[in-house]
Amino acid sequence: MSVTASAPGKINLFFKVGALQADGFHEVVSVYQALNLRETVSVKAASEYSLTVSGITEGVPTDESNLAIRAAKFVSRSPLAIHIDKQVPVAGGMGGGSADAAAVVVAVSHMMGARPRVAETVELGADVPFAILGGTALGVGRGEILTPLETGGTLHWVLVPAGFGLSTPEVYRTLDEIRPNSVDRDPMALISALRSGDPVEIAPLLHNDLQEAALHLRPELQETMDALEAAGALRAMVSGSGPTILALTENAVEAKRIAAACGGIATSGPAEGAHI
């Protein structure tokens, strides 16, 4: 029997990074939003673990270093054949690998007639629990302690992937080095604005602590941000640890126009979490 599940990519509308902890992780405060840009994953019983990929394939490992296989071993003792139809840009700070893992957890749990152990999936990665939940949510701890948030409507985004990757650990290390320049911020104003759903009100409240570190490592990302805002985006910033740049637009028509002008992808949120 084959079971198919899909899970969303995500962006961080707000991301504050605390000090490095003794366990090697940082405590964070994040406002996540799931996007209508999804990974579709099929799993079936097999004699050994295997992984195939369609869609976006460049840079995607198919051995046991792939988070999808780790997720399969997390929920099942029996080998599985996994296929991913990949639509979320790779290594772009949008949680594509976490979405793959979330879809595997949901699909395999369904095969076993069990409920996904959502909170425990943080062992696979900090973004995996949110990929299962979806919608818009406040995340604290390592990002796995989630509170769903009310949003007043659909937000329309443009995503511009970079032609290079950024190492997430390196971005965090750089942030720790330049942290004296950081300003402490609170997400409550953004959370309030999300209830109204007005993108003009939301735009100036978007924030990412990791942006300064990403720009320190790859200053050319600023050019993409500037181009998006010059094309009419309300606000552009680094998505997560980068290097993808996200931009908020006024509506779906503007998102498509700006995406075409800047070589980006038009999408929207919030979207459903991982499901069969």
C-alpha atoms as a PDB file:
ATOM      1  CA  MET A   1       0.000   0.000   0.000  1.00  0.00           C
ATOM      2  CA  SER A   2       1.268   3.454  -0.926  1.00  0.00           C
ATOM      3  CA  VAL A   3       0.253   6.513   1.094  1.00  0.00           C
ATOM      4  CA  THR A   4       0.730  10.073  -0.139  1.00  0.00           C
ATOM      5  CA  ALA A   5       0.868  13.202   2.019  1.00  0.00           C
ATOM      6  CA  SER A   6       1.742  16.807   1.301  1.00  0.00           C
ATOM      7  CA  ALA A   7       3.273  19.464   3.528  1.00  0.00           C
ATOM      8  CA  PRO A   8       3.884  23.193   3.079  1.00  0.00           C
ATOM      9  CA  GLY A   9       6.988  25.276   2.802  1.00  0.00           C
ATOM     10  CA  LYS A  10       7.117  28.131   5.279  1.00  0.00           C
ATOM     11  CA  ILE A  11       8.392  31.609   5.861  1.00  0.00           C
ATOM     12  CA  ASN A  12       9.184  33.404   9.100  1.00  0.00           C
ATOM     13  CA  LEU A  13       7.276  36.675   9.343  1.00  0.00           C
ATOM     14  CA  PHE A  14       9.112  37.403  12.575  1.00  0.00           C
ATOM     15  CA  PHE A  15      12.253  35.713  13.877  1.00  0.00           C
ATOM     16  CA  LYS A  16      14.081  36.642  17.061  1.00  0.00           C
ATOM     17  CA  VAL A  17      17.099  34.590  18.133  1.00  0.00           C
ATOM     18  CA  GLY A  18      18.128  34.301  21.769  1.00  0.00           C
ATOM     19  CA  ALA A  19      21.567  33.532  23.129  1.00  0.00           C
ATOM     20  CA  LEU A  20      23.332  30.248  22.382  1.00  0.00           C
ATOM     21  CA  GLN A  21      22.322  27.604  24.939  1.00  0.00           C
ATOM     22  CA  ALA A  22      24.449  24.899  26.549  1.00  0.00           C
ATOM     23  CA  ASP A  23      22.867  22.248  24.285  1.00  0.00           C
ATOM     24  CA  GLY A  24      24.204  24.058  21.211  1.00  0.00           C
ATOM     25  CA  PHE A  25      20.829  25.441  20.139  1.00  0.00           C
ATOM     26  CA  HIS A  26      19.381  28.949  20.277  1.00  0.00           C
ATOM     27  CA  GLU A  27      16.016  29.758  21.792  1.00  0.00           C
ATOM     28  CA  VAL A  28      13.866  31.553  19.235  1.00  0.00           C
ATOM     29  CA  VAL A  29      10.625  33.477  18.967  1.00  0.00           C
ATOM     30  CA  SER A  30       9.124  32.993  15.540  1.00  0.00           C
ATOM     31  CA  VAL A  31       5.920  33.820  13.710  1.00  0.00           C
ATOM     32  CA  TYR A  32       5.613  31.142  11.033  1.00  0.00           C
ATOM     33  CA  GLN A  33       3.334  31.131   8.015  1.00  0.00           C
ATOM     34  CA  ALA A  34       2.762  28.058   5.852  1.00  0.00           C
ATOM     35  CA  LEU A  35       2.694  28.663   2.096  1.00  0.00           C
ATOM     36  CA  ASN A  36       0.702  27.252  -0.796  1.00  0.00           C
ATOM     37  CA  LEU A  37       3.962  25.844  -2.114  1.00  0.00           C
ATOM     38  CA  ARG A  38       4.013  22.202  -1.151  1.00  0.00           C
ATOM     39  CA  GLU A  39       6.074  19.046  -1.081  1.00  0.00           C
ATOM     40  CA  THR A  40       4.216  15.838  -2.012  1.00  0.00           C
ATOM     41  CA  VAL A  41       5.624  12.633  -0.555  1.00  0.00           C
ATOM     42  CA  SER A  42       4.590   9.014  -1.202  1.00  0.00           C
ATOM     43  CA  VAL A  43       5.711   6.119   0.976  1.00  0.00           C
ATOM     44  CA  LYS A  44       5.284   2.366   0.703  1.00  0.00           C
ATOM     45  CA  ALA A  45       6.699  -0.719   2.371  1.00  0.00           C
ATOM     46  CA  ALA A  46       9.955  -2.020   0.875  1.00  0.00           C
ATOM     47  CA  SER A  47      12.798  -4.445   1.545  1.00  0.00           C
ATOM     48  CA  GLU A  48      15.228  -1.551   2.138  1.00  0.00           C
ATOM     49  CA  TYR A  49      15.132   2.220   2.489  1.00  0.00           C
ATOM     50  CA  SER A  50      15.211   4.154  -0.773  1.00  0.00           C
ATOM     51  CA  LEU A  51      14.483   7.686  -1.917  1.00  0.00           C
ATOM     52  CA  THR A  52      13.651   9.152  -5.324  1.00  0.00           C
ATOM     53  CA  VAL A  53      12.951  12.789  -6.170  1.00  0.00           C
ATOM     54  CA  SER A  54      11.113  14.622  -8.961  1.00  0.00           C
ATOM     55  CA  GLY A  55      10.434  18.316  -9.520  1.00  0.00           C
ATOM     56  CA  ILE A  56      13.357  20.272  -8.070  1.00  0.00           C
ATOM     57  CA  THR A  57      16.138  17.686  -7.923  1.00  0.00           C
ATOM     58  CA  GLU A  58      19.423  19.603  -7.954  1.00  0.00           C
ATOM     59  CA  GLY A  59      21.160  19.558  -4.598  1.00  0.00           C
ATOM     60  CA  VAL A  60      18.772  17.017  -3.051  1.00  0.00           C
ATOM     61  CA  PRO A  61      20.564  14.013  -1.500  1.00  0.00           C
ATOM     62  CA  THR A  62      18.935  10.626  -2.031  1.00  0.00           C
ATOM     63  CA  ASP A  63      20.944   8.742   0.580  1.00  0.00           C
ATOM     64  CA  GLU A  64      20.338   8.453   4.311  1.00  0.00           C
ATOM     65  CA  SER A  65      21.497  12.004   4.912  1.00  0.00           C
ATOM     66  CA  ASN A  66      18.111  13.148   3.577  1.00  0.00           C
ATOM     67  CA  LEU A  67      15.766  14.211   6.374  1.00  0.00           C
ATOM     68  CA  ALA A  68      12.921  12.225   4.807  1.00  0.00           C
ATOM     69  CA  ILE A  69      14.714   8.930   5.478  1.00  0.00           C
ATOM     70  CA  ARG A  70      15.540  10.032   9.008  1.00  0.00           C
ATOM     71  CA  ALA A  71      11.845  10.811   9.480  1.00  0.00           C
ATOM     72  CA  ALA A  72      10.856   7.374   8.170  1.00  0.00           C
ATOM     73  CA  LYS A  73      13.163   5.721  10.708  1.00  0.00           C
ATOM     74  CA  PHE A  74      11.758   8.005  13.398  1.00  0.00           C
ATOM     75  CA  VAL A  75       8.224   6.635  12.951  1.00  0.00           C
ATOM     76  CA  SER A  76       8.735   3.131  11.543  1.00  0.00           C
ATOM     77  CA  ARG A  77      10.958   0.142  12.223  1.00  0.00           C
ATOM     78  CA  SER A  78      10.278  -1.278   8.748  1.00  0.00           C
ATOM     79  CA  PRO A  79      12.080  -0.099   5.585  1.00  0.00           C
ATOM     80  CA  LEU A  80      10.201   2.207   3.243  1.00  0.00           C
ATOM     81  CA  ALA A  81      10.487   3.423  -0.335  1.00  0.00           C
ATOM     82  CA  ILE A  82       9.959   7.192  -0.420  1.00  0.00           C
ATOM     83  CA  HIS A  83       9.276   9.460  -3.383  1.00  0.00           C
ATOM     84  CA  ILE A  84       9.301  13.259  -3.080  1.00  0.00           C
ATOM     85  CA  ASP A  85       7.805  15.616  -5.647  1.00  0.00           C
ATOM     86  CA  LYS A  86       9.768  18.692  -4.611  1.00  0.00           C
ATOM     87  CA  GLN A  87       8.426  22.211  -5.222  1.00  0.00           C
ATOM     88  CA  VAL A  88       9.996  24.203  -2.362  1.00  0.00           C
ATOM     89  CA  PRO A  89      13.396  25.725  -3.287  1.00  0.00           C
ATOM     90  CA  VAL A  90      16.321  23.754  -1.847  1.00  0.00           C
ATOM     91  CA  ALA A  91      18.462  25.293   0.934  1.00  0.00           C
ATOM     92  CA  GLY A  92      16.467  28.499   0.751  1.00  0.00           C
ATOM     93  CA  GLY A  93      15.407  29.045   4.359  1.00  0.00           C
ATOM     94  CA  MET A  94      11.866  27.878   3.538  1.00  0.00           C
ATOM     95  CA  GLY A  95      11.791  24.555   5.364  1.00  0.00           C
ATOM     96  CA  GLY A  96      11.527  22.269   2.339  1.00  0.00           C
ATOM     97  CA  GLY A  97      13.427  19.460   4.039  1.00  0.00           C
ATOM     98  CA  SER A  98      11.279  19.880   7.140  1.00  0.00           C
ATOM     99  CA  ALA A  99       8.155  19.698   4.968  1.00  0.00           C
ATOM    100  CA  ASP A 100       9.433  16.419   3.484  1.00  0.00           C
ATOM    101  CA  ALA A 101       9.974  15.049   6.979  1.00  0.00           C
ATOM    102  CA  ALA A 102       6.539  16.222   8.115  1.00  0.00           C
ATOM    103  CA  ALA A 103       4.845  14.570   5.136  1.00  0.00           C
ATOM    104  CA  VAL A 104       6.697  11.318   5.826  1.00  0.00           C
ATOM    105  CA  VAL A 105       5.669  11.372   9.494  1.00  0.00           C
ATOM    106  CA  VAL A 106       2.014  11.974   8.598  1.00  0.00           C
ATOM    107  CA  ALA A 107       1.975   9.364   5.819  1.00  0.00           C
ATOM    108  CA  VAL A 108       3.701   6.638   7.836  1.00  0.00           C
ATOM    109  CA  SER A 109       1.611   7.357  10.926  1.00  0.00           C
ATOM    110  CA  HIS A 110      -1.490   6.944   8.738  1.00  0.00           C
ATOM    111  CA  MET A 111      -0.165   3.594   7.451  1.00  0.00           C
ATOM    112  CA  MET A 112       0.320   2.466  11.041  1.00  0.00           C
ATOM    113  CA  GLY A 113      -3.069   3.747  12.219  1.00  0.00           C
ATOM    114  CA  ALA A 114      -1.382   6.086  14.708  1.00  0.00           C
ATOM    115  CA  ARG A 115      -1.406   9.825  15.411  1.00  0.00           C
ATOM    116  CA  PRO A 116       1.748  11.767  14.566  1.00  0.00           C
ATOM    117  CA  ARG A 117       3.891  12.606  17.615  1.00  0.00           C
ATOM    118  CA  VAL A 118       4.055  16.241  16.606  1.00  0.00           C
ATOM    119  CA  ALA A 119       6.056  17.775  19.467  1.00  0.00           C
ATOM    120  CA  GLU A 120       8.612  14.950  19.357  1.00  0.00           C
ATOM    121  CA  THR A 121       9.383  15.651  15.689  1.00  0.00           C
ATOM    122  CA  VAL A 122      11.533  18.599  16.799  1.00  0.00           C
ATOM    123  CA  GLU A 123      14.214  15.892  17.116  1.00  0.00           C
ATOM    124  CA  LEU A 124      14.217  15.859  13.306  1.00  0.00           C
ATOM    125  CA  GLY A 125      14.419  19.625  12.997  1.00  0.00           C
ATOM    126  CA  ALA A 126      13.028  22.778  14.579  1.00  0.00           C
ATOM    127  CA  ASP A 127      10.645  23.478  11.663  1.00  0.00           C
ATOM    128  CA  VAL A 128       9.102  19.998  11.408  1.00  0.00           C
ATOM    129  CA  PRO A 129       6.342  20.460  14.042  1.00  0.00           C
ATOM    130  CA  PHE A 130       5.132  23.610  12.286  1.00  0.00           C
ATOM    131  CA  ALA A 131       5.098  21.895   8.886  1.00  0.00           C
ATOM    132  CA  ILE A 132       2.645  19.414  10.413  1.00  0.00           C
ATOM    133  CA  LEU A 133       0.519  22.152  12.038  1.00  0.00           C
ATOM    134  CA  GLY A 134       0.457  24.680   9.174  1.00  0.00           C
ATOM    135  CA  GLY A 135      -1.482  27.945   9.134  1.00  0.00           C
ATOM    136  CA  THR A 136       0.155  30.800  11.002  1.00  0.00           C
ATOM    137  CA  ALA A 137       1.651  30.219  14.442  1.00  0.00           C
ATOM    138  CA  LEU A 138       3.853  31.644  17.153  1.00  0.00           C
ATOM    139  CA  GLY A 139       6.763  29.326  17.908  1.00  0.00           C
ATOM    140  CA  VAL A 140       9.018  29.485  20.971  1.00  0.00           C
ATOM    141  CA  GLY A 141      11.687  27.244  22.501  1.00  0.00           C
ATOM    142  CA  ARG A 142      13.510  25.875  19.466  1.00  0.00           C
ATOM    143  CA  GLY A 143      10.380  26.777  17.494  1.00  0.00           C
ATOM    144  CA  GLU A 144       8.488  23.606  18.382  1.00  0.00           C
ATOM    145  CA  ILE A 145       6.208  25.045  21.100  1.00  0.00           C
ATOM    146  CA  LEU A 146       3.464  26.347  18.849  1.00  0.00           C
ATOM    147  CA  THR A 147       0.428  28.559  19.352  1.00  0.00           C
ATOM    148  CA  PRO A 148      -1.871  28.959  16.313  1.00  0.00           C
ATOM    149  CA  LEU A 149      -2.525  32.583  15.376  1.00  0.00           C
ATOM    150  CA  GLU A 150      -5.593  34.183  13.829  1.00  0.00           C
ATOM    151  CA  THR A 151      -5.094  35.828  10.444  1.00  0.00           C
ATOM    152  CA  GLY A 152      -7.570  38.135   8.766  1.00  0.00           C
ATOM    153  CA  GLY A 153      -7.132  36.874   5.219  1.00  0.00           C
ATOM    154  CA  THR A 154      -4.715  35.660   2.585  1.00  0.00           C
ATOM    155  CA  LEU A 155      -1.304  37.287   2.220  1.00  0.00           C
ATOM    156  CA  HIS A 156       0.440  37.293  -1.148  1.00  0.00           C
ATOM    157  CA  TRP A 157       4.188  36.782  -1.353  1.00  0.00           C
ATOM    158  CA  VAL A 158       6.990  36.719  -3.895  1.00  0.00           C
ATOM    159  CA  LEU A 159       9.952  34.425  -3.265  1.00  0.00           C
ATOM    160  CA  VAL A 160      13.245  34.891  -5.084  1.00  0.00           C
ATOM    161  CA  PRO A 161      15.650  31.941  -4.612  1.00  0.00           C
ATOM    162  CA  ALA A 162      19.368  32.644  -4.898  1.00  0.00           C
ATOM    163  CA  GLY A 163      21.785  30.852  -7.183  1.00  0.00           C
ATOM    164  CA  PHE A 164      23.827  29.757  -4.151  1.00  0.00           C
ATOM    165  CA  GLY A 165      23.251  28.306  -0.703  1.00  0.00           C
ATOM    166  CA  LEU A 166      23.928  29.552   2.799  1.00  0.00           C
ATOM    167  CA  SER A 167      24.919  27.280   5.676  1.00  0.00           C
ATOM    168  CA  THR A 168      22.380  27.694   8.474  1.00  0.00           C
ATOM    169  CA  PRO A 169      24.974  26.948  11.205  1.00  0.00           C
ATOM    170  CA  GLU A 170      27.308  29.530   9.655  1.00  0.00           C
ATOM    171  CA  VAL A 171      24.539  32.147   9.625  1.00  0.00           C
ATOM    172  CA  TYR A 172      23.849  31.504  13.312  1.00  0.00           C
ATOM    173  CA  ARG A 173      27.566  31.672  14.157  1.00  0.00           C
ATOM    174  CA  THR A 174      27.832  34.969  12.319  1.00  0.00           C
ATOM    175  CA  LEU A 175      24.811  36.310  14.202  1.00  0.00           C
ATOM    176  CA  ASP A 176      26.479  35.410  17.511  1.00  0.00           C
ATOM    177  CA  GLU A 177      29.590  37.304  16.434  1.00  0.00           C
ATOM    178  CA  ILE A 178      27.731  40.484  15.455  1.00  0.00           C
ATOM    179  CA  ARG A 179      24.973  40.277  18.061  1.00  0.00           C
ATOM    180  CA  PRO A 180      25.904  43.587  19.803  1.00  0.00           C
ATOM    181  CA  ASN A 181      24.329  45.302  16.777  1.00  0.00           C
ATOM    182  CA  SER A 182      21.009  43.482  17.275  1.00  0.00           C
ATOM    183  CA  VAL A 183      17.915  45.200  18.667  1.00  0.00           C
ATOM    184  CA  ASP A 184      15.495  43.328  20.913  1.00  0.00           C
ATOM    185  CA  ARG A 185      12.034  43.126  19.340  1.00  0.00           C
ATOM    186  CA  ASP A 186       8.578  41.916  20.324  1.00  0.00           C
ATOM    187  CA  PRO A 187       6.155  40.109  17.955  1.00  0.00           C
ATOM    188  CA  MET A 188       2.920  41.343  19.520  1.00  0.00           C
ATOM    189  CA  ALA A 189       2.414  44.292  17.151  1.00  0.00           C
ATOM    190  CA  LEU A 190       2.758  41.938  14.174  1.00  0.00           C
ATOM    191  CA  ILE A 191       0.407  39.383  15.731  1.00  0.00           C
ATOM    192  CA  SER A 192      -2.199  42.130  16.164  1.00  0.00           C
ATOM    193  CA  ALA A 193      -1.737  43.318  12.569  1.00  0.00           C
ATOM    194  CA  LEU A 194      -2.161  39.759  11.257  1.00  0.00           C
ATOM    195  CA  ARG A 195      -5.679  39.707  12.708  1.00  0.00           C
ATOM    196  CA  SER A 196      -6.587  42.628  10.459  1.00  0.00           C
ATOM    197  CA  GLY A 197      -5.011  40.996   7.427  1.00  0.00           C
ATOM    198  CA  ASP A 198      -3.973  44.377   6.000  1.00  0.00           C
ATOM    199  CA  PRO A 199      -0.641  43.886   4.182  1.00  0.00           C
ATOM    200  CA  VAL A 200       0.163  47.606   4.380  1.00  0.00           C
ATOM    201  CA  GLU A 201      -0.087  47.413   8.169  1.00  0.00           C
ATOM    202  CA  ILE A 202       1.803  44.102   8.349  1.00  0.00           C
ATOM    203  CA  ALA A 203       4.735  45.023   6.074  1.00  0.00           C
ATOM    204  CA  PRO A 204       6.741  47.316   8.398  1.00  0.00           C
ATOM    205  CA  LEU A 205       6.400  44.825  11.269  1.00  0.00           C
ATOM    206  CA  LEU A 206       8.123  41.931   9.474  1.00  0.00           C
ATOM    207  CA  HIS A 207      11.467  41.155  11.112  1.00  0.00           C
ATOM    208  CA  ASN A 208      14.285  38.607  10.914  1.00  0.00           C
ATOM    209  CA  ASP A 209      17.267  38.637  13.325  1.00  0.00           C
ATOM    210  CA  LEU A 210      19.175  36.392  10.908  1.00  0.00           C
ATOM    211  CA  GLN A 211      18.976  38.902   8.064  1.00  0.00           C
ATOM    212  CA  GLU A 212      21.946  40.952   9.243  1.00  0.00           C
ATOM    213  CA  ALA A 213      24.108  37.828   9.451  1.00  0.00           C
ATOM    214  CA  ALA A 214      22.961  36.565   6.026  1.00  0.00           C
ATOM    215  CA  LEU A 215      23.747  39.955   4.465  1.00  0.00           C
ATOM    216  CA  HIS A 216      27.129  39.982   6.211  1.00  0.00           C
ATOM    217  CA  LEU A 217      27.963  36.691   4.480  1.00  0.00           C
ATOM    218  CA  ARG A 218      26.326  37.485   1.121  1.00  0.00           C
ATOM    219  CA  PRO A 219      25.944  41.274   0.718  1.00  0.00           C
ATOM    220  CA  GLU A 220      24.531  40.843  -2.793  1.00  0.00           C
ATOM    221  CA  LEU A 221      21.226  39.695  -1.265  1.00  0.00           C
ATOM    222  CA  GLN A 222      20.546  43.362  -0.551  1.00  0.00           C
ATOM    223  CA  GLU A 223      20.365  43.961  -4.316  1.00  0.00           C
ATOM    224  CA  THR A 224      17.507  41.467  -4.626  1.00  0.00           C
ATOM    225  CA  MET A 225      15.661  43.076  -1.730  1.00  0.00           C
ATOM    226  CA  ASP A 226      16.088  46.516  -3.269  1.00  0.00           C
ATOM    227  CA  ALA A 227      14.890  45.285  -6.672  1.00  0.00           C
ATOM    228  CA  LEU A 228      11.727  43.773  -5.191  1.00  0.00           C
ATOM    229  CA  GLU A 229      10.846  46.954  -3.341  1.00  0.00           C
ATOM    230  CA  ALA A 230      11.621  49.057  -6.426  1.00  0.00           C
ATOM    231  CA  ALA A 231       9.225  46.815  -8.380  1.00  0.00           C
ATOM    232  CA  GLY A 232       6.431  47.610  -5.919  1.00  0.00           C
ATOM    233  CA  ALA A 233       6.719  45.114  -3.062  1.00  0.00           C
ATOM    234  CA  LEU A 234       5.592  46.496   0.287  1.00  0.00           C
ATOM    235  CA  ARG A 235       8.567  44.947   2.067  1.00  0.00           C
ATOM    236  CA  ALA A 236      11.366  42.527   1.206  1.00  0.00           C
ATOM    237  CA  MET A 237      13.627  40.611   3.594  1.00  0.00           C
ATOM    238  CA  VAL A 238      15.724  37.472   3.938  1.00  0.00           C
ATOM    239  CA  SER A 239      13.659  34.333   4.503  1.00  0.00           C
ATOM    240  CA  GLY A 240      14.901  32.486   7.597  1.00  0.00           C
ATOM    241  CA  SER A 241      18.638  31.852   7.338  1.00  0.00           C
ATOM    242  CA  GLY A 242      18.482  32.627   3.608  1.00  0.00           C
ATOM    243  CA  PRO A 243      19.411  32.932   0.899  1.00  0.00           C
ATOM    244  CA  THR A 244      15.848  33.097  -0.470  1.00  0.00           C
ATOM    245  CA  ILE A 245      14.362  36.596  -0.330  1.00  0.00           C
ATOM    246  CA  LEU A 246      10.660  37.011   0.442  1.00  0.00           C
ATOM    247  CA  ALA A 247       8.535  40.029  -0.366  1.00  0.00           C
ATOM    248  CA  LEU A 248       5.035  40.961   0.774  1.00  0.00           C
ATOM    249  CA  THR A 249       2.729  42.434  -1.890  1.00  0.00           C
ATOM    250  CA  GLU A 250      -0.683  44.076  -1.815  1.00  0.00           C
ATOM    251  CA  ASN A 251      -2.605  41.361  -3.682  1.00  0.00           C
ATOM    252  CA  ALA A 252      -2.359  38.348  -5.998  1.00  0.00           C
ATOM    253  CA  VAL A 253      -2.144  40.460  -9.162  1.00  0.00           C
ATOM    254  CA  GLU A 254       0.769  42.457  -7.759  1.00  0.00           C
ATOM    255  CA  ALA A 255       2.495  39.275  -6.602  1.00  0.00           C
ATOM    256  CA  LYS A 256       2.375  37.800 -10.109  1.00  0.00           C
ATOM    257  CA  ARG A 257       3.564  41.048 -11.702  1.00  0.00           C
ATOM    258  CA  ILE A 258       6.484  41.507  -9.293  1.00  0.00           C
ATOM    259  CA  ALA A 259       7.446  37.829  -9.536  1.00  0.00           C
ATOM    260  CA  ALA A 260       7.623  38.116 -13.325  1.00  0.00           C
ATOM    261  CA  ALA A 261       9.692  41.306 -13.089  1.00  0.00           C
ATOM    262  CA  CYS A 262      12.176  39.900 -10.562  1.00  0.00           C
ATOM    263  CA  GLY A 263      12.446  36.243 -11.534  1.00  0.00           C
ATOM    264  CA  GLY A 264      10.545  35.075  -8.480  1.00  0.00           C
ATOM    265  CA  ILE A 265       7.731  32.742  -7.461  1.00  0.00           C
ATOM    266  CA  ALA A 266       4.290  34.113  -6.562  1.00  0.00           C
ATOM    267  CA  THR A 267       2.573  32.271  -3.732  1.00  0.00           C
ATOM    268  CA  SER A 268       0.262  32.874  -0.785  1.00  0.00           C
ATOM    269  CA  GLY A 269      -0.456  31.923   2.800  1.00  0.00           C
ATOM    270  CA  PRO A 270      -1.543  30.739   5.226  1.00  0.00           C
ATOM    271  CA  ALA A 271      -1.839  27.174   3.976  1.00  0.00           C
ATOM    272  CA  GLU A 272      -2.852  23.857   5.489  1.00  0.00           C
ATOM    273  CA  GLY A 273      -0.315  21.794   7.369  1.00  0.00           C
ATOM    274  CA  ALA A 274       0.761  18.279   6.433  1.00  0.00           C
ATOM    275  CA  HIS A 275      -2.130  16.025   5.489  1.00  0.00           C
ATOM    276  CA  ILE A 276      -3.010  12.899   3.522  1.00  0.00           C
END
